[in-house]
Amino acid sequence: MASRAARTGMLVLALAAAAALTAPAGPAAATPGPHAAPGPHAAAGTAPRTGPAALAGLARAALSSSRYLREPAATAAGYVPDRYCVADPAGGGAVGYPHFNHAYDDSLDPAKPAALLYEDDAEGRRRLVALEWVVMDRDGKVETDEDRPSLFGQPFKGPIPGRFKGQKVHYALHVWLWKPNPAGLFATFNPDLRCRPGTTRP
């Protein structure tokens, strides 16, 4: 279990990252390099301006997900890993390895994402990079979107056809809190994340 000091450090990081989302636009800062310390991230120059409610929600999401920085903690909490890394078919990076907890399908709670996304690290383990919320479409039609949800002041993407057997038409929102994403904090894919050869679905 994390120490009180570690939890306090996570609180400071989470609040700093969330506050960055509400700061006035200014010159873009340099994107953290591959050896940057892990922590909640917003891509430089791409974070939208949001209000106090979104700030508080993002801070809550960062704090609650900090317990899942390493994969074993996620699986112990009921998140089931996909054995394959998911890459962008258009070549624009990847989302990594999804770990779903379907008890949280339709959740709009910042502390209860339906999926946690991981990448392989240099030590042969996996580390948390992003969170995903999934909400089912009420009428099951991709042509209509009157029920589009939002979270952190952001509309979900979709409707999206089911991506695996049994999944219904749905909306999805990705938040890259734990790895900088040059495409934006709420982008689906991260161009700086790549699936290793042989790890994608055949």
N, C-alpha and C. Protein backbone atom coordinates (compact mmCIF):
# COMPACT_ATOMS: atom_id res chain seq x y z
N MET A 1 0.86 -1.19 0.00
CA MET A 1 0.00 0.00 0.00
C MET A 1 0.89 1.24 0.00
N ALA A 2 0.46 2.27 -0.76
CA ALA A 2 1.28 3.46 -0.86
C ALA A 2 1.35 4.18 0.47
N SER A 3 2.49 4.80 0.76
CA SER A 3 2.66 5.53 2.00
C SER A 3 1.88 6.84 1.95
N ARG A 4 1.72 7.46 3.13
CA ARG A 4 1.03 8.74 3.18
C ARG A 4 1.75 9.78 2.32
N ALA A 5 3.10 9.75 2.35
CA ALA A 5 3.86 10.71 1.55
C ALA A 5 3.63 10.49 0.07
N ALA A 6 3.58 9.21 -0.35
CA ALA A 6 3.35 8.92 -1.76
C ALA A 6 1.98 9.39 -2.20
N ARG A 7 0.97 9.16 -1.34
CA ARG A 7 -0.38 9.60 -1.68
C ARG A 7 -0.46 11.11 -1.76
N THR A 8 0.25 11.80 -0.87
CA THR A 8 0.27 13.25 -0.92
C THR A 8 0.92 13.74 -2.21
N GLY A 9 1.99 13.05 -2.62
CA GLY A 9 2.64 13.40 -3.87
C GLY A 9 1.71 13.23 -5.05
N MET A 10 0.93 12.15 -5.06
CA MET A 10 -0.03 11.92 -6.13
C MET A 10 -1.08 13.03 -6.15
N LEU A 11 -1.51 13.46 -4.97
CA LEU A 11 -2.49 14.54 -4.90
C LEU A 11 -1.95 15.81 -5.54
N VAL A 12 -0.71 16.15 -5.21
CA VAL A 12 -0.10 17.36 -5.79
C VAL A 12 -0.01 17.25 -7.30
N LEU A 13 0.43 16.08 -7.81
CA LEU A 13 0.54 15.88 -9.25
C LEU A 13 -0.81 15.97 -9.93
N ALA A 14 -1.81 15.34 -9.33
CA ALA A 14 -3.13 15.32 -9.94
C ALA A 14 -3.72 16.73 -10.02
N LEU A 15 -3.60 17.48 -8.93
CA LEU A 15 -4.14 18.83 -8.93
C LEU A 15 -3.38 19.73 -9.89
N ALA A 16 -2.07 19.55 -9.99
CA ALA A 16 -1.28 20.36 -10.92
C ALA A 16 -1.67 20.07 -12.35
N ALA A 17 -1.88 18.79 -12.68
CA ALA A 17 -2.26 18.42 -14.04
C ALA A 17 -3.65 18.96 -14.37
N ALA A 18 -4.56 18.83 -13.43
CA ALA A 18 -5.92 19.32 -13.67
C ALA A 18 -5.92 20.84 -13.81
N ALA A 19 -5.13 21.52 -12.99
CA ALA A 19 -5.07 22.98 -13.07
C ALA A 19 -4.52 23.43 -14.41
N ALA A 20 -3.61 22.66 -14.99
CA ALA A 20 -3.03 23.02 -16.29
C ALA A 20 -4.10 23.07 -17.37
N LEU A 21 -5.16 22.29 -17.20
CA LEU A 21 -6.22 22.26 -18.20
C LEU A 21 -7.05 23.54 -18.20
N THR A 22 -7.03 24.29 -17.10
CA THR A 22 -7.84 25.49 -17.01
C THR A 22 -7.00 26.75 -17.18
N ALA A 23 -5.70 26.60 -17.34
CA ALA A 23 -4.83 27.76 -17.48
C ALA A 23 -5.03 28.42 -18.84
N PRO A 24 -4.90 29.74 -18.94
CA PRO A 24 -5.01 30.41 -20.23
C PRO A 24 -3.97 29.87 -21.20
N ALA A 25 -4.32 29.88 -22.48
CA ALA A 25 -3.40 29.37 -23.48
C ALA A 25 -2.17 30.25 -23.54
N GLY A 26 -1.02 29.64 -23.73
CA GLY A 26 0.23 30.37 -23.82
C GLY A 26 1.18 29.63 -24.71
N PRO A 27 2.45 30.02 -24.75
CA PRO A 27 3.42 29.31 -25.57
C PRO A 27 3.48 27.85 -25.17
N ALA A 28 3.53 26.96 -26.15
CA ALA A 28 3.56 25.52 -25.89
C ALA A 28 4.85 25.15 -25.21
N ALA A 29 4.72 24.37 -24.14
CA ALA A 29 5.91 23.88 -23.45
C ALA A 29 6.44 22.66 -24.16
N ALA A 30 7.69 22.33 -23.89
CA ALA A 30 8.29 21.16 -24.51
C ALA A 30 7.59 19.91 -24.00
N THR A 31 7.33 18.96 -24.90
CA THR A 31 6.72 17.70 -24.51
C THR A 31 7.71 16.88 -23.72
N PRO A 32 7.30 16.29 -22.59
CA PRO A 32 8.23 15.48 -21.80
C PRO A 32 8.83 14.36 -22.62
N GLY A 33 10.09 14.08 -22.41
CA GLY A 33 10.78 13.02 -23.15
C GLY A 33 10.48 11.66 -22.57
N PRO A 34 11.09 10.63 -23.18
CA PRO A 34 10.79 9.26 -22.75
C PRO A 34 11.21 8.95 -21.33
N HIS A 35 12.08 9.78 -20.74
CA HIS A 35 12.54 9.51 -19.38
C HIS A 35 11.88 10.43 -18.36
N ALA A 36 10.81 11.10 -18.79
CA ALA A 36 10.11 11.98 -17.85
C ALA A 36 9.49 11.16 -16.74
N ALA A 37 9.42 11.76 -15.55
CA ALA A 37 8.85 11.05 -14.41
C ALA A 37 7.38 10.76 -14.65
N PRO A 38 6.90 9.57 -14.26
CA PRO A 38 5.49 9.25 -14.46
C PRO A 38 4.61 10.13 -13.61
N GLY A 39 3.45 10.46 -14.13
CA GLY A 39 2.50 11.28 -13.39
C GLY A 39 1.40 11.71 -14.32
N PRO A 40 0.35 12.33 -13.79
CA PRO A 40 -0.74 12.79 -14.63
C PRO A 40 -0.24 13.79 -15.66
N HIS A 41 -0.68 13.65 -16.91
CA HIS A 41 -0.16 14.48 -17.99
C HIS A 41 -1.27 15.08 -18.83
N ALA A 42 -1.01 16.29 -19.34
CA ALA A 42 -1.81 16.91 -20.38
C ALA A 42 -0.84 17.31 -21.47
N ALA A 43 -1.16 16.98 -22.73
CA ALA A 43 -0.24 17.28 -23.83
C ALA A 43 -0.10 18.79 -23.99
N ALA A 44 1.13 19.24 -24.18
CA ALA A 44 1.41 20.67 -24.29
C ALA A 44 0.71 21.25 -25.50
N GLY A 45 0.01 22.37 -25.27
CA GLY A 45 -0.61 23.08 -26.38
C GLY A 45 -1.87 22.44 -26.91
N THR A 46 -2.31 21.28 -26.33
CA THR A 46 -3.48 20.61 -26.87
C THR A 46 -4.60 20.46 -25.85
N ALA A 47 -4.36 20.80 -24.60
CA ALA A 47 -5.38 20.61 -23.56
C ALA A 47 -6.48 21.66 -23.69
N PRO A 48 -7.74 21.24 -23.68
CA PRO A 48 -8.83 22.20 -23.76
C PRO A 48 -8.99 22.95 -22.45
N ARG A 49 -9.59 24.13 -22.52
CA ARG A 49 -9.90 24.86 -21.30
C ARG A 49 -11.18 24.28 -20.72
N THR A 50 -11.17 24.01 -19.43
CA THR A 50 -12.33 23.43 -18.79
C THR A 50 -12.62 24.18 -17.50
N GLY A 51 -13.80 23.94 -16.93
CA GLY A 51 -14.21 24.63 -15.73
C GLY A 51 -13.84 23.89 -14.47
N PRO A 52 -14.23 24.47 -13.33
CA PRO A 52 -13.88 23.87 -12.04
C PRO A 52 -14.39 22.45 -11.86
N ALA A 53 -15.58 22.14 -12.38
CA ALA A 53 -16.12 20.79 -12.22
C ALA A 53 -15.27 19.77 -12.97
N ALA A 54 -14.84 20.14 -14.18
CA ALA A 54 -13.98 19.25 -14.95
C ALA A 54 -12.62 19.08 -14.28
N LEU A 55 -12.09 20.18 -13.75
CA LEU A 55 -10.83 20.12 -13.02
C LEU A 55 -10.92 19.14 -11.85
N ALA A 56 -11.99 19.26 -11.08
CA ALA A 56 -12.16 18.39 -9.92
C ALA A 56 -12.32 16.94 -10.36
N GLY A 57 -13.04 16.72 -11.47
CA GLY A 57 -13.22 15.36 -11.96
C GLY A 57 -11.93 14.74 -12.43
N LEU A 58 -11.11 15.50 -13.13
CA LEU A 58 -9.82 14.98 -13.61
C LEU A 58 -8.89 14.69 -12.44
N ALA A 59 -8.91 15.54 -11.43
CA ALA A 59 -8.09 15.28 -10.25
C ALA A 59 -8.54 14.00 -9.56
N ARG A 60 -9.84 13.81 -9.48
CA ARG A 60 -10.37 12.59 -8.86
C ARG A 60 -9.98 11.35 -9.67
N ALA A 61 -10.07 11.47 -10.99
CA ALA A 61 -9.69 10.34 -11.85
C ALA A 61 -8.22 9.99 -11.68
N ALA A 62 -7.37 11.01 -11.61
CA ALA A 62 -5.94 10.76 -11.44
C ALA A 62 -5.64 10.11 -10.10
N LEU A 63 -6.27 10.62 -9.06
CA LEU A 63 -6.03 10.07 -7.73
C LEU A 63 -6.52 8.63 -7.61
N SER A 64 -7.72 8.37 -8.11
CA SER A 64 -8.28 7.02 -7.97
C SER A 64 -7.54 6.01 -8.83
N SER A 65 -7.05 6.44 -9.99
CA SER A 65 -6.35 5.50 -10.88
C SER A 65 -4.89 5.31 -10.50
N SER A 66 -4.36 6.14 -9.61
CA SER A 66 -2.95 5.99 -9.22
C SER A 66 -2.68 4.64 -8.57
N ARG A 67 -3.70 4.01 -8.02
CA ARG A 67 -3.51 2.69 -7.40
C ARG A 67 -3.28 1.61 -8.45
N TYR A 68 -3.59 1.93 -9.72
CA TYR A 68 -3.47 0.95 -10.79
C TYR A 68 -2.27 1.19 -11.71
N LEU A 69 -1.30 1.93 -11.23
CA LEU A 69 -0.15 2.23 -12.08
C LEU A 69 0.52 0.97 -12.59
N ARG A 70 0.51 -0.09 -11.81
CA ARG A 70 1.04 -1.38 -12.24
C ARG A 70 -0.10 -2.37 -12.44
N GLU A 71 0.03 -3.19 -13.46
CA GLU A 71 -1.05 -4.07 -13.91
C GLU A 71 -1.61 -5.01 -12.84
N PRO A 72 -0.80 -5.64 -11.99
CA PRO A 72 -1.38 -6.57 -11.01
C PRO A 72 -2.46 -5.95 -10.12
N ALA A 73 -2.32 -4.67 -9.80
CA ALA A 73 -3.34 -4.02 -8.97
C ALA A 73 -4.66 -3.91 -9.72
N ALA A 74 -4.60 -3.71 -11.02
CA ALA A 74 -5.82 -3.62 -11.82
C ALA A 74 -6.53 -4.96 -11.92
N THR A 75 -5.78 -6.01 -12.19
CA THR A 75 -6.40 -7.33 -12.31
C THR A 75 -6.99 -7.78 -10.98
N ALA A 76 -6.33 -7.43 -9.88
CA ALA A 76 -6.86 -7.77 -8.56
C ALA A 76 -8.16 -7.05 -8.28
N ALA A 77 -8.38 -5.91 -8.92
CA ALA A 77 -9.59 -5.11 -8.71
C ALA A 77 -10.70 -5.47 -9.70
N GLY A 78 -10.47 -6.47 -10.55
CA GLY A 78 -11.52 -6.92 -11.45
C GLY A 78 -11.40 -6.46 -12.89
N TYR A 79 -10.31 -5.80 -13.22
CA TYR A 79 -10.07 -5.40 -14.61
C TYR A 79 -9.42 -6.57 -15.36
N VAL A 80 -10.06 -7.02 -16.43
CA VAL A 80 -9.60 -8.20 -17.17
C VAL A 80 -8.77 -7.76 -18.38
N PRO A 81 -7.52 -8.20 -18.47
CA PRO A 81 -6.65 -7.75 -19.56
C PRO A 81 -6.98 -8.40 -20.90
N ASP A 82 -6.88 -7.62 -21.95
CA ASP A 82 -6.90 -8.14 -23.32
C ASP A 82 -5.48 -8.60 -23.62
N ARG A 83 -5.32 -9.75 -24.21
CA ARG A 83 -3.98 -10.26 -24.47
C ARG A 83 -3.28 -9.51 -25.61
N TYR A 84 -4.07 -8.71 -26.37
CA TYR A 84 -3.50 -8.02 -27.53
C TYR A 84 -3.40 -6.51 -27.31
N CYS A 85 -2.37 -5.94 -27.89
CA CYS A 85 -2.21 -4.49 -27.94
C CYS A 85 -3.05 -3.96 -29.10
N VAL A 86 -3.76 -2.86 -28.89
CA VAL A 86 -4.64 -2.30 -29.90
C VAL A 86 -3.97 -1.11 -30.59
N ALA A 87 -3.73 -1.25 -31.89
CA ALA A 87 -3.08 -0.20 -32.67
C ALA A 87 -4.10 0.53 -33.53
N ASP A 88 -3.78 1.75 -33.90
CA ASP A 88 -4.62 2.53 -34.80
C ASP A 88 -4.51 1.93 -36.20
N PRO A 89 -5.61 1.49 -36.81
CA PRO A 89 -5.54 0.93 -38.17
C PRO A 89 -4.95 1.90 -39.19
N ALA A 90 -5.09 3.21 -38.91
CA ALA A 90 -4.56 4.22 -39.83
C ALA A 90 -3.08 4.51 -39.59
N GLY A 91 -2.50 3.85 -38.59
CA GLY A 91 -1.07 4.04 -38.33
C GLY A 91 -0.74 5.18 -37.41
N GLY A 92 -1.75 5.70 -36.71
CA GLY A 92 -1.51 6.85 -35.84
C GLY A 92 -1.24 6.49 -34.40
N GLY A 93 -0.45 5.47 -34.17
CA GLY A 93 -0.11 5.09 -32.80
C GLY A 93 -0.96 3.94 -32.30
N ALA A 94 -1.31 3.96 -31.02
CA ALA A 94 -2.04 2.86 -30.40
C ALA A 94 -2.71 3.32 -29.12
N VAL A 95 -3.54 2.43 -28.54
CA VAL A 95 -4.09 2.68 -27.21
C VAL A 95 -3.45 1.77 -26.18
N GLY A 96 -2.72 0.74 -26.64
CA GLY A 96 -2.09 -0.18 -25.71
C GLY A 96 -2.97 -1.39 -25.43
N TYR A 97 -2.80 -1.96 -24.23
CA TYR A 97 -3.54 -3.15 -23.82
C TYR A 97 -4.74 -2.75 -22.96
N PRO A 98 -5.98 -2.91 -23.47
CA PRO A 98 -7.16 -2.58 -22.67
C PRO A 98 -7.38 -3.62 -21.57
N HIS A 99 -7.79 -3.14 -20.42
CA HIS A 99 -8.20 -3.99 -19.31
C HIS A 99 -9.60 -3.54 -18.91
N PHE A 100 -10.62 -4.36 -19.18
CA PHE A 100 -12.01 -3.96 -18.97
C PHE A 100 -12.57 -4.50 -17.65
N ASN A 101 -13.37 -3.66 -17.02
CA ASN A 101 -14.20 -4.09 -15.90
C ASN A 101 -15.62 -3.72 -16.28
N HIS A 102 -16.39 -4.69 -16.78
CA HIS A 102 -17.71 -4.39 -17.33
C HIS A 102 -18.73 -4.00 -16.27
N ALA A 103 -18.38 -4.16 -15.01
CA ALA A 103 -19.24 -3.63 -13.95
C ALA A 103 -19.33 -2.11 -14.05
N TYR A 104 -18.35 -1.49 -14.71
CA TYR A 104 -18.31 -0.04 -14.85
C TYR A 104 -18.74 0.43 -16.24
N ASP A 105 -19.28 -0.46 -17.08
CA ASP A 105 -19.91 0.00 -18.32
C ASP A 105 -21.01 0.98 -17.95
N ASP A 106 -21.15 2.04 -18.72
CA ASP A 106 -22.15 3.10 -18.52
C ASP A 106 -21.80 4.03 -17.35
N SER A 107 -20.64 3.86 -16.76
CA SER A 107 -20.23 4.74 -15.66
C SER A 107 -19.84 6.12 -16.18
N LEU A 108 -20.29 7.14 -15.46
CA LEU A 108 -19.83 8.51 -15.69
C LEU A 108 -19.16 9.03 -14.42
N ASP A 109 -18.69 8.09 -13.61
CA ASP A 109 -17.99 8.41 -12.37
C ASP A 109 -16.49 8.52 -12.69
N PRO A 110 -15.86 9.66 -12.41
CA PRO A 110 -14.43 9.81 -12.69
C PRO A 110 -13.56 8.74 -12.05
N ALA A 111 -14.04 8.15 -10.96
CA ALA A 111 -13.25 7.14 -10.24
C ALA A 111 -13.51 5.72 -10.74
N LYS A 112 -14.42 5.57 -11.73
CA LYS A 112 -14.79 4.22 -12.18
C LYS A 112 -14.79 4.12 -13.70
N PRO A 113 -13.62 4.20 -14.33
CA PRO A 113 -13.56 3.99 -15.78
C PRO A 113 -13.84 2.53 -16.13
N ALA A 114 -14.44 2.31 -17.29
CA ALA A 114 -14.72 0.94 -17.72
C ALA A 114 -13.46 0.21 -18.15
N ALA A 115 -12.42 0.95 -18.54
CA ALA A 115 -11.19 0.31 -18.98
C ALA A 115 -9.96 1.10 -18.54
N LEU A 116 -8.90 0.37 -18.27
CA LEU A 116 -7.58 0.93 -18.01
C LEU A 116 -6.68 0.49 -19.16
N LEU A 117 -5.84 1.38 -19.65
CA LEU A 117 -4.99 1.10 -20.81
C LEU A 117 -3.52 1.09 -20.38
N TYR A 118 -2.83 0.05 -20.79
CA TYR A 118 -1.43 -0.15 -20.38
C TYR A 118 -0.51 -0.27 -21.60
N GLU A 119 0.77 0.03 -21.36
CA GLU A 119 1.81 -0.22 -22.37
C GLU A 119 2.93 -1.03 -21.74
N ASP A 120 3.70 -1.70 -22.59
CA ASP A 120 4.87 -2.43 -22.13
C ASP A 120 5.96 -1.44 -21.73
N ASP A 121 6.66 -1.74 -20.64
CA ASP A 121 7.78 -0.88 -20.27
C ASP A 121 9.11 -1.58 -20.53
N ALA A 122 10.19 -0.89 -20.27
CA ALA A 122 11.51 -1.42 -20.57
C ALA A 122 11.91 -2.58 -19.67
N GLU A 123 11.16 -2.81 -18.59
CA GLU A 123 11.48 -3.87 -17.64
C GLU A 123 10.65 -5.13 -17.87
N GLY A 124 9.89 -5.16 -18.99
CA GLY A 124 9.08 -6.33 -19.28
C GLY A 124 7.76 -6.36 -18.53
N ARG A 125 7.39 -5.25 -17.91
CA ARG A 125 6.11 -5.15 -17.21
C ARG A 125 5.21 -4.18 -17.96
N ARG A 126 4.04 -3.92 -17.42
CA ARG A 126 3.13 -2.97 -18.04
C ARG A 126 2.79 -1.86 -17.07
N ARG A 127 2.68 -0.65 -17.62
CA ARG A 127 2.36 0.51 -16.80
C ARG A 127 1.14 1.23 -17.37
N LEU A 128 0.38 1.84 -16.50
CA LEU A 128 -0.85 2.54 -16.87
C LEU A 128 -0.53 3.79 -17.69
N VAL A 129 -1.29 3.98 -18.78
CA VAL A 129 -1.10 5.18 -19.60
C VAL A 129 -2.37 6.01 -19.74
N ALA A 130 -3.53 5.35 -19.73
CA ALA A 130 -4.77 6.10 -19.99
C ALA A 130 -5.97 5.38 -19.38
N LEU A 131 -7.10 6.10 -19.34
CA LEU A 131 -8.36 5.58 -18.83
C LEU A 131 -9.41 5.71 -19.93
N GLU A 132 -10.41 4.84 -19.89
CA GLU A 132 -11.48 4.91 -20.90
C GLU A 132 -12.83 4.68 -20.23
N TRP A 133 -13.78 5.55 -20.55
CA TRP A 133 -15.17 5.39 -20.11
C TRP A 133 -16.00 4.94 -21.31
N VAL A 134 -16.90 4.00 -21.09
CA VAL A 134 -17.72 3.42 -22.15
C VAL A 134 -19.19 3.48 -21.73
N VAL A 135 -20.02 4.10 -22.58
CA VAL A 135 -21.45 4.21 -22.31
C VAL A 135 -22.21 3.65 -23.51
N MET A 136 -23.13 2.72 -23.27
CA MET A 136 -23.88 2.09 -24.34
C MET A 136 -24.89 3.06 -24.96
N ASP A 137 -25.04 2.97 -26.27
CA ASP A 137 -26.01 3.79 -26.99
C ASP A 137 -27.42 3.23 -26.74
N ARG A 138 -28.36 4.10 -26.42
CA ARG A 138 -29.68 3.64 -26.01
C ARG A 138 -30.44 2.93 -27.13
N ASP A 139 -30.40 3.47 -28.36
CA ASP A 139 -31.17 2.84 -29.43
C ASP A 139 -30.36 1.89 -30.29
N GLY A 140 -29.04 1.79 -30.01
CA GLY A 140 -28.21 0.85 -30.75
C GLY A 140 -27.98 1.21 -32.20
N LYS A 141 -28.18 2.47 -32.55
CA LYS A 141 -28.02 2.90 -33.95
C LYS A 141 -26.86 3.89 -34.06
N VAL A 142 -25.95 3.63 -34.98
CA VAL A 142 -24.81 4.54 -35.16
C VAL A 142 -25.23 5.83 -35.86
N GLU A 143 -26.44 5.85 -36.43
CA GLU A 143 -26.90 7.03 -37.17
C GLU A 143 -27.46 8.11 -36.27
N THR A 144 -27.75 7.79 -35.00
CA THR A 144 -28.36 8.76 -34.10
C THR A 144 -27.45 8.98 -32.89
N ASP A 145 -27.50 10.21 -32.35
CA ASP A 145 -26.61 10.51 -31.22
C ASP A 145 -27.25 11.45 -30.20
N GLU A 146 -28.58 11.37 -30.07
CA GLU A 146 -29.26 12.27 -29.14
C GLU A 146 -28.88 12.01 -27.69
N ASP A 147 -28.35 10.82 -27.42
CA ASP A 147 -28.02 10.46 -26.04
C ASP A 147 -26.52 10.52 -25.76
N ARG A 148 -25.79 11.29 -26.57
CA ARG A 148 -24.34 11.39 -26.39
C ARG A 148 -23.99 11.91 -24.99
N PRO A 149 -23.22 11.16 -24.21
CA PRO A 149 -22.85 11.63 -22.87
C PRO A 149 -21.61 12.54 -22.92
N SER A 150 -21.31 13.15 -21.79
CA SER A 150 -20.09 13.95 -21.67
C SER A 150 -19.52 13.76 -20.27
N LEU A 151 -18.23 14.01 -20.15
CA LEU A 151 -17.53 13.90 -18.88
C LEU A 151 -16.32 14.81 -18.95
N PHE A 152 -15.97 15.46 -17.86
CA PHE A 152 -14.86 16.42 -17.82
C PHE A 152 -15.08 17.55 -18.84
N GLY A 153 -16.34 17.85 -19.14
CA GLY A 153 -16.65 18.89 -20.11
C GLY A 153 -16.43 18.46 -21.54
N GLN A 154 -16.23 17.17 -21.78
CA GLN A 154 -15.92 16.65 -23.12
C GLN A 154 -17.01 15.70 -23.60
N PRO A 155 -17.52 15.89 -24.83
CA PRO A 155 -18.48 14.93 -25.38
C PRO A 155 -17.76 13.62 -25.73
N PHE A 156 -18.43 12.50 -25.51
CA PHE A 156 -17.87 11.21 -25.89
C PHE A 156 -17.83 11.07 -27.41
N LYS A 157 -16.93 10.26 -27.91
CA LYS A 157 -16.88 9.93 -29.34
C LYS A 157 -17.86 8.80 -29.62
N GLY A 158 -18.43 8.81 -30.83
CA GLY A 158 -19.37 7.77 -31.19
C GLY A 158 -20.63 8.36 -31.80
N PRO A 159 -21.66 7.49 -31.97
CA PRO A 159 -21.71 6.08 -31.59
C PRO A 159 -20.71 5.22 -32.36
N ILE A 160 -20.21 4.18 -31.70
CA ILE A 160 -19.18 3.30 -32.25
C ILE A 160 -19.73 1.87 -32.28
N PRO A 161 -19.61 1.17 -33.41
CA PRO A 161 -20.05 -0.23 -33.43
C PRO A 161 -19.24 -1.05 -32.42
N GLY A 162 -19.83 -2.13 -31.92
CA GLY A 162 -19.12 -3.00 -30.99
C GLY A 162 -17.80 -3.46 -31.55
N ARG A 163 -16.76 -3.46 -30.70
CA ARG A 163 -15.41 -3.83 -31.15
C ARG A 163 -15.09 -5.29 -30.89
N PHE A 164 -15.91 -5.98 -30.10
CA PHE A 164 -15.69 -7.40 -29.85
C PHE A 164 -17.04 -8.07 -29.63
N LYS A 165 -17.07 -9.39 -29.68
CA LYS A 165 -18.31 -10.14 -29.59
C LYS A 165 -19.07 -9.78 -28.31
N GLY A 166 -20.33 -9.42 -28.50
CA GLY A 166 -21.18 -9.09 -27.36
C GLY A 166 -21.22 -7.61 -27.01
N GLN A 167 -20.27 -6.82 -27.51
CA GLN A 167 -20.29 -5.39 -27.19
C GLN A 167 -21.29 -4.66 -28.09
N LYS A 168 -22.10 -3.83 -27.50
CA LYS A 168 -23.13 -3.11 -28.24
C LYS A 168 -22.56 -1.81 -28.81
N VAL A 169 -23.38 -1.15 -29.61
CA VAL A 169 -23.04 0.20 -30.08
C VAL A 169 -22.87 1.08 -28.85
N HIS A 170 -21.82 1.89 -28.85
CA HIS A 170 -21.49 2.61 -27.63
C HIS A 170 -20.79 3.93 -27.93
N TYR A 171 -20.62 4.72 -26.88
CA TYR A 171 -19.80 5.93 -26.91
C TYR A 171 -18.57 5.68 -26.05
N ALA A 172 -17.47 6.37 -26.35
CA ALA A 172 -16.24 6.17 -25.58
C ALA A 172 -15.51 7.49 -25.39
N LEU A 173 -14.83 7.61 -24.26
CA LEU A 173 -13.98 8.76 -23.98
C LEU A 173 -12.68 8.28 -23.37
N HIS A 174 -11.56 8.62 -24.02
CA HIS A 174 -10.23 8.28 -23.52
C HIS A 174 -9.62 9.50 -22.84
N VAL A 175 -8.89 9.27 -21.77
CA VAL A 175 -8.19 10.36 -21.08
C VAL A 175 -6.77 9.89 -20.79
N TRP A 176 -5.80 10.57 -21.39
CA TRP A 176 -4.39 10.18 -21.26
C TRP A 176 -3.76 10.89 -20.07
N LEU A 177 -4.11 10.42 -18.89
CA LEU A 177 -3.61 11.04 -17.67
C LEU A 177 -2.20 10.61 -17.31
N TRP A 178 -1.75 9.45 -17.77
CA TRP A 178 -0.50 8.88 -17.29
C TRP A 178 0.58 8.73 -18.37
N LYS A 179 0.32 9.30 -19.54
CA LYS A 179 1.35 9.35 -20.59
C LYS A 179 1.03 10.55 -21.48
N PRO A 180 2.00 11.42 -21.73
CA PRO A 180 1.73 12.57 -22.59
C PRO A 180 1.26 12.11 -23.97
N ASN A 181 0.27 12.80 -24.51
CA ASN A 181 -0.25 12.47 -25.83
C ASN A 181 -0.23 13.72 -26.70
N PRO A 182 0.65 13.76 -27.70
CA PRO A 182 0.73 14.96 -28.55
C PRO A 182 -0.55 15.20 -29.35
N ALA A 183 -1.41 14.18 -29.47
CA ALA A 183 -2.67 14.35 -30.19
C ALA A 183 -3.74 14.98 -29.31
N GLY A 184 -3.49 15.07 -28.01
CA GLY A 184 -4.45 15.68 -27.10
C GLY A 184 -4.83 14.78 -25.95
N LEU A 185 -5.19 15.38 -24.84
CA LEU A 185 -5.53 14.64 -23.63
C LEU A 185 -6.69 13.66 -23.86
N PHE A 186 -7.64 14.04 -24.75
CA PHE A 186 -8.83 13.21 -24.96
C PHE A 186 -8.83 12.48 -26.30
N ALA A 187 -7.69 12.41 -26.96
CA ALA A 187 -7.61 11.69 -28.24
C ALA A 187 -7.76 10.19 -28.01
N THR A 188 -8.24 9.49 -29.02
CA THR A 188 -8.40 8.04 -28.89
C THR A 188 -7.05 7.34 -28.91
N PHE A 189 -6.22 7.64 -29.89
CA PHE A 189 -4.92 6.99 -30.04
C PHE A 189 -3.79 7.95 -29.65
N ASN A 190 -2.68 7.36 -29.23
CA ASN A 190 -1.49 8.13 -28.87
C ASN A 190 -0.39 7.81 -29.87
N PRO A 191 0.01 8.78 -30.69
CA PRO A 191 1.04 8.51 -31.70
C PRO A 191 2.40 8.15 -31.11
N ASP A 192 2.61 8.42 -29.82
CA ASP A 192 3.88 8.06 -29.18
C ASP A 192 3.84 6.67 -28.56
N LEU A 193 2.73 5.96 -28.72
CA LEU A 193 2.63 4.60 -28.19
C LEU A 193 2.60 3.63 -29.37
N ARG A 194 3.46 2.64 -29.34
CA ARG A 194 3.54 1.64 -30.40
C ARG A 194 3.41 0.24 -29.83
N CYS A 195 2.69 -0.61 -30.54
CA CYS A 195 2.59 -2.02 -30.14
C CYS A 195 3.83 -2.76 -30.63
N ARG A 196 4.41 -3.57 -29.77
CA ARG A 196 5.57 -4.35 -30.17
C ARG A 196 5.17 -5.39 -31.21
N PRO A 197 6.09 -5.76 -32.11
CA PRO A 197 5.79 -6.79 -33.11
C PRO A 197 5.27 -8.07 -32.48
N GLY A 198 4.21 -8.60 -33.05
CA GLY A 198 3.64 -9.85 -32.55
C GLY A 198 2.65 -9.69 -31.42
N THR A 199 2.34 -8.45 -31.00
CA THR A 199 1.44 -8.27 -29.86
C THR A 199 0.03 -7.83 -30.27
N THR A 200 -0.19 -7.54 -31.57
CA THR A 200 -1.50 -7.11 -32.01
C THR A 200 -2.36 -8.31 -32.42
N ARG A 201 -3.66 -8.10 -32.46
CA ARG A 201 -4.59 -9.18 -32.80
C ARG A 201 -4.36 -9.64 -34.24
N PRO A 202 -4.26 -10.96 -34.48
CA PRO A 202 -4.02 -11.46 -35.85
C PRO A 202 -5.14 -11.08 -36.79
